[in-house]
């Protein structure tokens, strides 16, 4: 059910995976790389402050307490996490340095928030 998705997040970003199924009495279970995610039993799965290890293939299995023979499986959601962007703050260009001299380099990273 649903459509296959490829989602790319920057490290530190947040995102909510979701599946939509009509009806009542549905029971949801999320999986990452075919392993059950303990406690992930909602139609949404919140990825908060994404880490590189959050990358993987996510699926959700939906069963129903009344229609016990019915098992629905979501299409794969492939989550890719990229490293934080890096911005050099110093040197900033135009410096004239002597050969063999040493200088500090400073930088900053930008954490994304949804």
PDB file of N, CA and C in Angstrom:
ATOM      1  N   UNK A   1       0.826  -1.177   0.000  1.00  0.00           N
ATOM      2  CA  UNK A   1       0.000   0.000   0.000  1.00  0.00           C
ATOM      3  C   UNK A   1       0.876   1.247   0.000  1.00  0.00           C
ATOM      4  N   UNK A   2       0.325   2.333  -0.434  1.00  0.00           N
ATOM      5  CA  UNK A   2       1.084   3.578  -0.508  1.00  0.00           C
ATOM      6  C   UNK A   2       2.043   3.568  -1.684  1.00  0.00           C
ATOM      7  N   UNK A   3       2.955   4.519  -1.671  1.00  0.00           N
ATOM      8  CA  UNK A   3       3.966   4.592  -2.730  1.00  0.00           C
ATOM      9  C   UNK A   3       5.352   4.471  -2.110  1.00  0.00           C
ATOM     10  N   UNK A   4       6.271   3.915  -2.875  1.00  0.00           N
ATOM     11  CA  UNK A   4       7.648   3.825  -2.412  1.00  0.00           C
ATOM     12  C   UNK A   4       8.215   5.238  -2.348  1.00  0.00           C
ATOM     13  N   UNK A   5       8.962   5.526  -1.282  1.00  0.00           N
ATOM     14  CA  UNK A   5       9.507   6.865  -1.088  1.00  0.00           C
ATOM     15  C   UNK A   5      11.011   6.815  -0.826  1.00  0.00           C
ATOM     16  N   UNK A   6      11.701   7.840  -1.271  1.00  0.00           N
ATOM     17  CA  UNK A   6      13.107   8.056  -0.957  1.00  0.00           C
ATOM     18  C   UNK A   6      13.204   9.433  -0.322  1.00  0.00           C
ATOM     19  N   UNK A   7      13.615   9.471   0.940  1.00  0.00           N
ATOM     20  CA  UNK A   7      13.669  10.720   1.692  1.00  0.00           C
ATOM     21  C   UNK A   7      15.098  10.947   2.136  1.00  0.00           C
ATOM     22  N   UNK A   8      15.595  12.168   1.916  1.00  0.00           N
ATOM     23  CA  UNK A   8      16.939  12.529   2.357  1.00  0.00           C
ATOM     24  C   UNK A   8      16.826  13.641   3.384  1.00  0.00           C
ATOM     25  N   UNK A   9      17.448  13.425   4.546  1.00  0.00           N
ATOM     26  CA  UNK A   9      17.484  14.420   5.617  1.00  0.00           C
ATOM     27  C   UNK A   9      18.928  14.767   5.915  1.00  0.00           C
ATOM     28  N   UNK A  10      19.150  15.989   6.344  1.00  0.00           N
ATOM     29  CA  UNK A  10      20.444  16.361   6.898  1.00  0.00           C
ATOM     30  C   UNK A  10      20.488  15.903   8.346  1.00  0.00           C
ATOM     31  N   UNK A  11      21.662  15.532   8.795  1.00  0.00           N
ATOM     32  CA  UNK A  11      21.832  15.151  10.187  1.00  0.00           C
ATOM     33  C   UNK A  11      21.273  16.274  11.060  1.00  0.00           C
ATOM     34  N   UNK A  12      20.460  15.906  12.058  1.00  0.00           N
ATOM     35  CA  UNK A  12      19.858  16.892  12.956  1.00  0.00           C
ATOM     36  C   UNK A  12      18.454  17.303  12.566  1.00  0.00           C
ATOM     37  N   UNK A  13      18.043  17.020  11.345  1.00  0.00           N
ATOM     38  CA  UNK A  13      16.689  17.349  10.926  1.00  0.00           C
ATOM     39  C   UNK A  13      15.700  16.367  11.538  1.00  0.00           C
ATOM     40  N   UNK A  14      14.446  16.755  11.602  1.00  0.00           N
ATOM     41  CA  UNK A  14      13.382  15.879  12.073  1.00  0.00           C
ATOM     42  C   UNK A  14      12.384  15.657  10.947  1.00  0.00           C
ATOM     43  N   UNK A  15      11.720  14.510  10.995  1.00  0.00           N
ATOM     44  CA  UNK A  15      10.760  14.171   9.945  1.00  0.00           C
ATOM     45  C   UNK A  15       9.796  13.125  10.502  1.00  0.00           C
ATOM     46  N   UNK A  16       8.564  13.139  10.029  1.00  0.00           N
ATOM     47  CA  UNK A  16       7.577  12.152  10.454  1.00  0.00           C
ATOM     48  C   UNK A  16       7.207  11.265   9.278  1.00  0.00           C
ATOM     49  N   UNK A  17       7.473   9.964   9.419  1.00  0.00           N
ATOM     50  CA  UNK A  17       7.019   8.982   8.449  1.00  0.00           C
ATOM     51  C   UNK A  17       5.569   8.665   8.776  1.00  0.00           C
ATOM     52  N   UNK A  18       4.759   8.442   7.753  1.00  0.00           N
ATOM     53  CA  UNK A  18       3.355   8.139   8.044  1.00  0.00           C
ATOM     54  C   UNK A  18       2.759   7.220   6.989  1.00  0.00           C
ATOM     55  N   UNK A  19       1.758   6.477   7.422  1.00  0.00           N
ATOM     56  CA  UNK A  19       0.961   5.649   6.526  1.00  0.00           C
ATOM     57  C   UNK A  19      -0.501   5.995   6.768  1.00  0.00           C
ATOM     58  N   UNK A  20      -1.296   5.841   5.741  1.00  0.00           N
ATOM     59  CA  UNK A  20      -2.708   6.184   5.858  1.00  0.00           C
ATOM     60  C   UNK A  20      -3.551   4.980   5.462  1.00  0.00           C
ATOM     61  N   UNK A  21      -4.341   4.499   6.410  1.00  0.00           N
ATOM     62  CA  UNK A  21      -5.230   3.372   6.174  1.00  0.00           C
ATOM     63  C   UNK A  21      -6.590   3.722   6.768  1.00  0.00           C
ATOM     64  N   UNK A  22      -7.626   3.502   5.999  1.00  0.00           N
ATOM     65  CA  UNK A  22      -8.960   3.770   6.500  1.00  0.00           C
ATOM     66  C   UNK A  22      -9.436   2.674   7.440  1.00  0.00           C
ATOM     67  N   UNK A  23     -10.558   2.886   8.039  1.00  0.00           N
ATOM     68  CA  UNK A  23     -11.155   1.883   8.904  1.00  0.00           C
ATOM     69  C   UNK A  23     -10.793   2.060  10.363  1.00  0.00           C
ATOM     70  N   UNK A  24     -11.300   1.158  11.157  1.00  0.00           N
ATOM     71  CA  UNK A  24     -11.077   1.197  12.599  1.00  0.00           C
ATOM     72  C   UNK A  24     -10.410  -0.095  13.046  1.00  0.00           C
ATOM     73  N   UNK A  25      -9.932  -0.097  14.264  1.00  0.00           N
ATOM     74  CA  UNK A  25      -9.338  -1.279  14.904  1.00  0.00           C
ATOM     75  C   UNK A  25      -8.016  -1.699  14.259  1.00  0.00           C
ATOM     76  N   UNK A  26      -7.322  -0.746  13.644  1.00  0.00           N
ATOM     77  CA  UNK A  26      -6.042  -1.044  13.013  1.00  0.00           C
ATOM     78  C   UNK A  26      -4.930  -1.073  14.059  1.00  0.00           C
ATOM     79  N   UNK A  27      -3.979  -1.965  13.855  1.00  0.00           N
ATOM     80  CA  UNK A  27      -2.799  -2.088  14.715  1.00  0.00           C
ATOM     81  C   UNK A  27      -1.578  -1.908  13.815  1.00  0.00           C
ATOM     82  N   UNK A  28      -0.716  -0.963  14.164  1.00  0.00           N
ATOM     83  CA  UNK A  28       0.443  -0.616  13.346  1.00  0.00           C
ATOM     84  C   UNK A  28       1.725  -1.128  13.998  1.00  0.00           C
ATOM     85  N   UNK A  29       2.687  -1.530  13.157  1.00  0.00           N
ATOM     86  CA  UNK A  29       4.008  -1.896  13.638  1.00  0.00           C
ATOM     87  C   UNK A  29       5.028  -1.473  12.587  1.00  0.00           C
ATOM     88  N   UNK A  30       5.961  -0.596  13.006  1.00  0.00           N
ATOM     89  CA  UNK A  30       7.016  -0.118  12.119  1.00  0.00           C
ATOM     90  C   UNK A  30       8.232  -1.028  12.200  1.00  0.00           C
ATOM     91  N   UNK A  31       8.941  -1.118  11.056  1.00  0.00           N
ATOM     92  CA  UNK A  31      10.159  -1.908  10.931  1.00  0.00           C
ATOM     93  C   UNK A  31      11.241  -1.052  10.274  1.00  0.00           C
ATOM     94  N   UNK A  32      12.483  -1.262  10.694  1.00  0.00           N
ATOM     95  CA  UNK A  32      13.634  -0.635  10.037  1.00  0.00           C
ATOM     96  C   UNK A  32      14.553  -1.756   9.600  1.00  0.00           C
ATOM     97  N   UNK A  33      14.854  -1.807   8.307  1.00  0.00           N
ATOM     98  CA  UNK A  33      15.700  -2.863   7.745  1.00  0.00           C
ATOM     99  C   UNK A  33      15.195  -4.244   8.168  1.00  0.00           C
ATOM    100  N   UNK A  34      13.879  -4.415   8.114  1.00  0.00           N
ATOM    101  CA  UNK A  34      13.169  -5.665   8.405  1.00  0.00           C
ATOM    102  C   UNK A  34      13.160  -6.047   9.887  1.00  0.00           C
ATOM    103  N   UNK A  35      13.700  -5.210  10.759  1.00  0.00           N
ATOM    104  CA  UNK A  35      13.680  -5.486  12.209  1.00  0.00           C
ATOM    105  C   UNK A  35      12.592  -4.637  12.866  1.00  0.00           C
ATOM    106  N   UNK A  36      11.809  -5.259  13.716  1.00  0.00           N
ATOM    107  CA  UNK A  36      10.733  -4.558  14.418  1.00  0.00           C
ATOM    108  C   UNK A  36      11.302  -3.437  15.288  1.00  0.00           C
ATOM    109  N   UNK A  37      10.672  -2.274  15.229  1.00  0.00           N
ATOM    110  CA  UNK A  37      11.061  -1.141  16.077  1.00  0.00           C
ATOM    111  C   UNK A  37      10.171  -1.189  17.320  1.00  0.00           C
ATOM    112  N   UNK A  38      10.763  -1.486  18.440  1.00  0.00           N
ATOM    113  CA  UNK A  38      10.014  -1.622  19.688  1.00  0.00           C
ATOM    114  C   UNK A  38       9.280  -0.319  20.017  1.00  0.00           C
ATOM    115  N   UNK A  39       7.989  -0.438  20.319  1.00  0.00           N
ATOM    116  CA  UNK A  39       7.194   0.716  20.725  1.00  0.00           C
ATOM    117  C   UNK A  39       6.687   1.575  19.588  1.00  0.00           C
ATOM    118  N   UNK A  40       7.040   1.251  18.341  1.00  0.00           N
ATOM    119  CA  UNK A  40       6.609   2.054  17.186  1.00  0.00           C
ATOM    120  C   UNK A  40       5.310   1.465  16.647  1.00  0.00           C
ATOM    121  N   UNK A  41       4.203   1.804  17.313  1.00  0.00           N
ATOM    122  CA  UNK A  41       2.917   1.186  16.998  1.00  0.00           C
ATOM    123  C   UNK A  41       1.830   2.219  16.732  1.00  0.00           C
ATOM    124  N   UNK A  42       2.184   3.185  15.909  1.00  0.00           N
ATOM    125  CA  UNK A  42       1.260   4.238  15.513  1.00  0.00           C
ATOM    126  C   UNK A  42       1.302   4.338  13.993  1.00  0.00           C
ATOM    127  N   UNK A  43       0.375   5.069  13.397  1.00  0.00           N
ATOM    128  CA  UNK A  43       0.439   5.253  11.945  1.00  0.00           C
ATOM    129  C   UNK A  43       1.513   6.263  11.543  1.00  0.00           C
ATOM    130  N   UNK A  44       2.188   6.851  12.533  1.00  0.00           N
ATOM    131  CA  UNK A  44       3.309   7.756  12.265  1.00  0.00           C
ATOM    132  C   UNK A  44       4.539   7.281  13.035  1.00  0.00           C
ATOM    133  N   UNK A  45       5.702   7.633  12.496  1.00  0.00           N
ATOM    134  CA  UNK A  45       6.972   7.340  13.162  1.00  0.00           C
ATOM    135  C   UNK A  45       7.816   8.604  13.097  1.00  0.00           C
ATOM    136  N   UNK A  46       8.105   9.178  14.247  1.00  0.00           N
ATOM    137  CA  UNK A  46       8.836  10.440  14.336  1.00  0.00           C
ATOM    138  C   UNK A  46      10.343  10.168  14.356  1.00  0.00           C
ATOM    139  N   UNK A  47      11.044  10.761  13.402  1.00  0.00           N
ATOM    140  CA  UNK A  47      12.509  10.751  13.392  1.00  0.00           C
ATOM    141  C   UNK A  47      12.909  12.131  13.909  1.00  0.00           C
ATOM    142  N   UNK A  48      13.450  12.183  15.113  1.00  0.00           N
ATOM    143  CA  UNK A  48      13.794  13.456  15.744  1.00  0.00           C
ATOM    144  C   UNK A  48      15.307  13.600  15.795  1.00  0.00           C
ATOM    145  N   UNK A  49      15.825  14.762  15.387  1.00  0.00           N
ATOM    146  CA  UNK A  49      17.271  15.004  15.376  1.00  0.00           C
ATOM    147  C   UNK A  49      18.003  13.834  14.732  1.00  0.00           C
ATOM    148  N   UNK A  50      17.739  13.619  13.453  1.00  0.00           N
ATOM    149  CA  UNK A  50      18.252  12.463  12.722  1.00  0.00           C
ATOM    150  C   UNK A  50      19.755  12.279  12.888  1.00  0.00           C
ATOM    151  N   UNK A  51      20.142  11.031  13.060  1.00  0.00           N
ATOM    152  CA  UNK A  51      21.542  10.628  13.136  1.00  0.00           C
ATOM    153  C   UNK A  51      21.848   9.736  11.935  1.00  0.00           C
ATOM    154  N   UNK A  52      23.127   9.594  11.605  1.00  0.00           N
ATOM    155  CA  UNK A  52      23.502   8.750  10.474  1.00  0.00           C
ATOM    156  C   UNK A  52      22.944   7.339  10.612  1.00  0.00           C
ATOM    157  N   UNK A  53      22.883   6.832  11.854  1.00  0.00           N
ATOM    158  CA  UNK A  53      22.384   5.471  12.053  1.00  0.00           C
ATOM    159  C   UNK A  53      20.871   5.342  11.860  1.00  0.00           C
ATOM    160  N   UNK A  54      20.151   6.449  11.683  1.00  0.00           N
ATOM    161  CA  UNK A  54      18.722   6.391  11.378  1.00  0.00           C
ATOM    162  C   UNK A  54      18.463   6.032   9.916  1.00  0.00           C
ATOM    163  N   UNK A  55      19.496   6.098   9.078  1.00  0.00           N
ATOM    164  CA  UNK A  55      19.341   5.752   7.664  1.00  0.00           C
ATOM    165  C   UNK A  55      18.941   4.286   7.543  1.00  0.00           C
ATOM    166  N   UNK A  56      18.074   3.994   6.597  1.00  0.00           N
ATOM    167  CA  UNK A  56      17.659   2.614   6.365  1.00  0.00           C
ATOM    168  C   UNK A  56      16.353   2.549   5.604  1.00  0.00           C
ATOM    169  N   UNK A  57      15.828   1.346   5.522  1.00  0.00           N
ATOM    170  CA  UNK A  57      14.572   1.112   4.820  1.00  0.00           C
ATOM    171  C   UNK A  57      13.492   0.841   5.861  1.00  0.00           C
ATOM    172  N   UNK A  58      12.460   1.668   5.850  1.00  0.00           N
ATOM    173  CA  UNK A  58      11.364   1.586   6.813  1.00  0.00           C
ATOM    174  C   UNK A  58      10.112   1.054   6.122  1.00  0.00           C
ATOM    175  N   UNK A  59       9.382   0.225   6.847  1.00  0.00           N
ATOM    176  CA  UNK A  59       8.076  -0.244   6.395  1.00  0.00           C
ATOM    177  C   UNK A  59       7.143  -0.276   7.605  1.00  0.00           C
ATOM    178  N   UNK A  60       5.860  -0.309   7.321  1.00  0.00           N
ATOM    179  CA  UNK A  60       4.875  -0.426   8.393  1.00  0.00           C
ATOM    180  C   UNK A  60       3.915  -1.547   8.032  1.00  0.00           C
ATOM    181  N   UNK A  61       3.659  -2.412   9.004  1.00  0.00           N
ATOM    182  CA  UNK A  61       2.706  -3.496   8.830  1.00  0.00           C
ATOM    183  C   UNK A  61       1.443  -3.148   9.612  1.00  0.00           C
ATOM    184  N   UNK A  62       0.295  -3.312   8.956  1.00  0.00           N
ATOM    185  CA  UNK A  62      -0.970  -2.979   9.587  1.00  0.00           C
ATOM    186  C   UNK A  62      -1.824  -4.235   9.651  1.00  0.00           C
ATOM    187  N   UNK A  63      -2.274  -4.548  10.857  1.00  0.00           N
ATOM    188  CA  UNK A  63      -3.213  -5.642  11.061  1.00  0.00           C
ATOM    189  C   UNK A  63      -4.479  -5.041  11.662  1.00  0.00           C
ATOM    190  N   UNK A  64      -5.478  -5.871  11.838  1.00  0.00           N
ATOM    191  CA  UNK A  64      -6.750  -5.376  12.349  1.00  0.00           C
ATOM    192  C   UNK A  64      -7.292  -6.376  13.367  1.00  0.00           C
ATOM    193  N   UNK A  65      -7.752  -5.848  14.495  1.00  0.00           N
ATOM    194  CA  UNK A  65      -8.231  -6.716  15.572  1.00  0.00           C
ATOM    195  C   UNK A  65      -9.545  -7.417  15.231  1.00  0.00           C
ATOM    196  N   UNK A  66     -10.304  -6.891  14.262  1.00  0.00           N
ATOM    197  CA  UNK A  66     -11.562  -7.543  13.857  1.00  0.00           C
ATOM    198  C   UNK A  66     -11.360  -8.441  12.639  1.00  0.00           C
ATOM    199  N   UNK A  67     -10.621  -7.940  11.660  1.00  0.00           N
ATOM    200  CA  UNK A  67     -10.322  -8.731  10.456  1.00  0.00           C
ATOM    201  C   UNK A  67      -8.933  -9.339  10.643  1.00  0.00           C
ATOM    202  N   UNK A  68      -8.856 -10.380  11.460  1.00  0.00           N
ATOM    203  CA  UNK A  68      -7.570 -10.913  11.925  1.00  0.00           C
ATOM    204  C   UNK A  68      -6.734 -11.557  10.824  1.00  0.00           C
ATOM    205  N   UNK A  69      -7.327 -11.910   9.685  1.00  0.00           N
ATOM    206  CA  UNK A  69      -6.574 -12.506   8.582  1.00  0.00           C
ATOM    207  C   UNK A  69      -5.985 -11.443   7.652  1.00  0.00           C
ATOM    208  N   UNK A  70      -6.370 -10.191   7.852  1.00  0.00           N
ATOM    209  CA  UNK A  70      -5.914  -9.103   6.987  1.00  0.00           C
ATOM    210  C   UNK A  70      -4.577  -8.555   7.475  1.00  0.00           C
ATOM    211  N   UNK A  71      -3.584  -8.553   6.592  1.00  0.00           N
ATOM    212  CA  UNK A  71      -2.278  -7.961   6.891  1.00  0.00           C
ATOM    213  C   UNK A  71      -1.905  -7.065   5.713  1.00  0.00           C
ATOM    214  N   UNK A  72      -1.722  -5.785   5.994  1.00  0.00           N
ATOM    215  CA  UNK A  72      -1.298  -4.827   4.983  1.00  0.00           C
ATOM    216  C   UNK A  72       0.156  -4.453   5.249  1.00  0.00           C
ATOM    217  N   UNK A  73       0.897  -4.227   4.172  1.00  0.00           N
ATOM    218  CA  UNK A  73       2.313  -3.848   4.287  1.00  0.00           C
ATOM    219  C   UNK A  73       2.524  -2.581   3.464  1.00  0.00           C
ATOM    220  N   UNK A  74       3.130  -1.570   4.072  1.00  0.00           N
ATOM    221  CA  UNK A  74       3.423  -0.345   3.326  1.00  0.00           C
ATOM    222  C   UNK A  74       4.567  -0.600   2.354  1.00  0.00           C
ATOM    223  N   UNK A  75       4.646   0.223   1.353  1.00  0.00           N
ATOM    224  CA  UNK A  75       5.801   0.187   0.452  1.00  0.00           C
ATOM    225  C   UNK A  75       6.997   0.734   1.228  1.00  0.00           C
ATOM    226  N   UNK A  76       8.171   0.469   0.730  1.00  0.00           N
ATOM    227  CA  UNK A  76       9.392   0.885   1.414  1.00  0.00           C
ATOM    228  C   UNK A  76       9.553   2.399   1.425  1.00  0.00           C
ATOM    229  N   UNK A  77      10.031   2.893   2.553  1.00  0.00           N
ATOM    230  CA  UNK A  77      10.433   4.290   2.686  1.00  0.00           C
ATOM    231  C   UNK A  77      11.934   4.254   2.978  1.00  0.00           C
ATOM    232  N   UNK A  78      12.734   4.657   2.005  1.00  0.00           N
ATOM    233  CA  UNK A  78      14.183   4.635   2.167  1.00  0.00           C
ATOM    234  C   UNK A  78      14.626   5.995   2.686  1.00  0.00           C
ATOM    235  N   UNK A  79      15.244   5.979   3.863  1.00  0.00           N
ATOM    236  CA  UNK A  79      15.680   7.208   4.516  1.00  0.00           C
ATOM    237  C   UNK A  79      17.199   7.308   4.429  1.00  0.00           C
ATOM    238  N   UNK A  80      17.677   8.402   3.846  1.00  0.00           N
ATOM    239  CA  UNK A  80      19.101   8.678   3.731  1.00  0.00           C
ATOM    240  C   UNK A  80      19.418   9.880   4.604  1.00  0.00           C
ATOM    241  N   UNK A  81      20.488   9.795   5.383  1.00  0.00           N
ATOM    242  CA  UNK A  81      20.915  10.897   6.242  1.00  0.00           C
ATOM    243  C   UNK A  81      22.258  11.397   5.742  1.00  0.00           C
ATOM    244  N   UNK A  82      22.365  12.708   5.529  1.00  0.00           N
ATOM    245  CA  UNK A  82      23.624  13.294   5.085  1.00  0.00           C
ATOM    246  C   UNK A  82      24.281  14.029   6.244  1.00  0.00           C
ATOM    247  N   UNK A  83      25.593  14.172   6.155  1.00  0.00           N
ATOM    248  CA  UNK A  83      26.332  14.897   7.195  1.00  0.00           C
ATOM    249  C   UNK A  83      25.944  16.361   7.209  1.00  0.00           C
ATOM    250  N   UNK A  84      26.208  16.990   8.329  1.00  0.00           N
ATOM    251  CA  UNK A  84      25.912  18.422   8.460  1.00  0.00           C
ATOM    252  C   UNK A  84      26.729  19.245   7.471  1.00  0.00           C
ATOM    253  N   UNK A  85      26.146  20.302   6.931  1.00  0.00           N
ATOM    254  CA  UNK A  85      26.912  21.202   6.077  1.00  0.00           C
ATOM    255  C   UNK A  85      28.005  21.890   6.898  1.00  0.00           C
ATOM    256  N   UNK A  86      29.110  22.145   6.268  1.00  0.00           N
ATOM    257  CA  UNK A  86      30.255  22.763   6.923  1.00  0.00           C
ATOM    258  C   UNK A  86      30.568  24.074   6.214  1.00  0.00           C
ATOM    259  N   UNK A  87      30.755  25.123   6.977  1.00  0.00           N
ATOM    260  CA  UNK A  87      31.071  26.431   6.409  1.00  0.00           C
ATOM    261  C   UNK A  87      32.357  26.954   7.043  1.00  0.00           C
ATOM    262  N   UNK A  88      33.361  27.223   6.207  1.00  0.00           N
ATOM    263  CA  UNK A  88      34.629  27.785   6.690  1.00  0.00           C
ATOM    264  C   UNK A  88      34.401  29.260   7.006  1.00  0.00           C
ATOM    265  N   UNK A  89      34.727  29.684   8.234  1.00  0.00           N
ATOM    266  CA  UNK A  89      34.553  31.086   8.628  1.00  0.00           C
ATOM    267  C   UNK A  89      35.866  31.849   8.607  1.00  0.00           C
ATOM    268  N   UNK A  90      36.983  31.160   8.725  1.00  0.00           N
ATOM    269  CA  UNK A  90      38.291  31.808   8.673  1.00  0.00           C
ATOM    270  C   UNK A  90      39.335  30.767   8.299  1.00  0.00           C
ATOM    271  N   UNK A  91      40.183  31.004   7.353  1.00  0.00           N
ATOM    272  CA  UNK A  91      40.334  32.226   6.578  1.00  0.00           C
ATOM    273  C   UNK A  91      39.169  32.405   5.604  1.00  0.00           C
ATOM    274  N   UNK A  92      38.932  33.641   5.221  1.00  0.00           N
ATOM    275  CA  UNK A  92      37.799  33.908   4.345  1.00  0.00           C
ATOM    276  C   UNK A  92      38.211  34.405   2.961  1.00  0.00           C
ATOM    277  N   UNK A  93      39.479  34.254   2.625  1.00  0.00           N
ATOM    278  CA  UNK A  93      39.962  34.599   1.289  1.00  0.00           C
ATOM    279  C   UNK A  93      40.755  35.893   1.272  1.00  0.00           C
ATOM    280  N   UNK A  94      41.716  35.966   0.380  1.00  0.00           N
ATOM    281  CA  UNK A  94      42.506  37.177   0.212  1.00  0.00           C
ATOM    282  C   UNK A  94      43.685  37.306   1.162  1.00  0.00           C
ATOM    283  N   UNK A  95      43.907  36.346   2.059  1.00  0.00           N
ATOM    284  CA  UNK A  95      45.021  36.412   3.000  1.00  0.00           C
ATOM    285  C   UNK A  95      46.348  36.222   2.251  1.00  0.00           C
ATOM    286  N   UNK A  96      47.367  36.869   2.750  1.00  0.00           N
ATOM    287  CA  UNK A  96      48.722  36.679   2.228  1.00  0.00           C
ATOM    288  C   UNK A  96      49.553  36.116   3.367  1.00  0.00           C
ATOM    289  N   UNK A  97      50.004  34.875   3.203  1.00  0.00           N
ATOM    290  CA  UNK A  97      50.742  34.200   4.257  1.00  0.00           C
ATOM    291  C   UNK A  97      52.140  33.839   3.775  1.00  0.00           C
ATOM    292  N   UNK A  98      53.046  33.805   4.705  1.00  0.00           N
ATOM    293  CA  UNK A  98      54.410  33.410   4.406  1.00  0.00           C
ATOM    294  C   UNK A  98      54.477  31.893   4.239  1.00  0.00           C
ATOM    295  N   UNK A  99      55.323  31.446   3.351  1.00  0.00           N
ATOM    296  CA  UNK A  99      55.523  30.005   3.174  1.00  0.00           C
ATOM    297  C   UNK A  99      56.017  29.424   4.495  1.00  0.00           C
ATOM    298  N   UNK A 100      55.429  28.304   4.883  1.00  0.00           N
ATOM    299  CA  UNK A 100      55.823  27.623   6.102  1.00  0.00           C
ATOM    300  C   UNK A 100      55.136  28.123   7.357  1.00  0.00           C
ATOM    301  N   UNK A 101      54.371  29.214   7.260  1.00  0.00           N
ATOM    302  CA  UNK A 101      53.674  29.714   8.451  1.00  0.00           C
ATOM    303  C   UNK A 101      52.436  28.855   8.707  1.00  0.00           C
ATOM    304  N   UNK A 102      51.947  28.849   9.936  1.00  0.00           N
ATOM    305  CA  UNK A 102      50.737  28.077  10.247  1.00  0.00           C
ATOM    306  C   UNK A 102      49.642  29.038  10.715  1.00  0.00           C
ATOM    307  N   UNK A 103      48.435  28.660  10.433  1.00  0.00           N
ATOM    308  CA  UNK A 103      47.275  29.490  10.750  1.00  0.00           C
ATOM    309  C   UNK A 103      46.110  28.599  11.156  1.00  0.00           C
ATOM    310  N   UNK A 104      45.273  29.110  12.031  1.00  0.00           N
ATOM    311  CA  UNK A 104      44.095  28.371  12.456  1.00  0.00           C
ATOM    312  C   UNK A 104      43.006  28.460  11.386  1.00  0.00           C
ATOM    313  N   UNK A 105      42.261  27.421  11.281  1.00  0.00           N
ATOM    314  CA  UNK A 105      41.085  27.392  10.413  1.00  0.00           C
ATOM    315  C   UNK A 105      39.879  27.206  11.332  1.00  0.00           C
ATOM    316  N   UNK A 106      38.881  28.030  11.139  1.00  0.00           N
ATOM    317  CA  UNK A 106      37.664  27.863  11.938  1.00  0.00           C
ATOM    318  C   UNK A 106      36.485  27.640  11.009  1.00  0.00           C
ATOM    319  N   UNK A 107      35.505  26.937  11.523  1.00  0.00           N
ATOM    320  CA  UNK A 107      34.325  26.611  10.742  1.00  0.00           C
ATOM    321  C   UNK A 107      33.116  26.514  11.653  1.00  0.00           C
ATOM    322  N   UNK A 108      31.965  26.429  11.018  1.00  0.00           N
ATOM    323  CA  UNK A 108      30.743  26.213  11.778  1.00  0.00           C
ATOM    324  C   UNK A 108      29.866  25.250  10.996  1.00  0.00           C
ATOM    325  N   UNK A 109      29.041  24.558  11.741  1.00  0.00           N
ATOM    326  CA  UNK A 109      28.067  23.672  11.122  1.00  0.00           C
ATOM    327  C   UNK A 109      26.686  24.258  11.364  1.00  0.00           C
ATOM    328  N   UNK A 110      25.782  23.885  10.491  1.00  0.00           N
ATOM    329  CA  UNK A 110      24.406  24.353  10.617  1.00  0.00           C
ATOM    330  C   UNK A 110      23.527  23.151  10.871  1.00  0.00           C
ATOM    331  N   UNK A 111      22.873  23.141  12.012  1.00  0.00           N
ATOM    332  CA  UNK A 111      21.915  22.075  12.309  1.00  0.00           C
ATOM    333  C   UNK A 111      20.554  22.514  11.832  1.00  0.00           C
ATOM    334  N   UNK A 112      19.890  21.636  11.126  1.00  0.00           N
ATOM    335  CA  UNK A 112      18.571  21.941  10.606  1.00  0.00           C
ATOM    336  C   UNK A 112      17.506  21.511  11.592  1.00  0.00           C
ATOM    337  N   UNK A 113      16.480  22.285  11.687  1.00  0.00           N
ATOM    338  CA  UNK A 113      15.315  21.934  12.517  1.00  0.00           C
ATOM    339  C   UNK A 113      14.088  22.026  11.628  1.00  0.00           C
ATOM    340  N   UNK A 114      13.200  21.099  11.784  1.00  0.00           N
ATOM    341  CA  UNK A 114      11.943  21.153  11.016  1.00  0.00           C
ATOM    342  C   UNK A 114      10.970  22.057  11.712  1.00  0.00           C
TER     343      UNK A 114
END
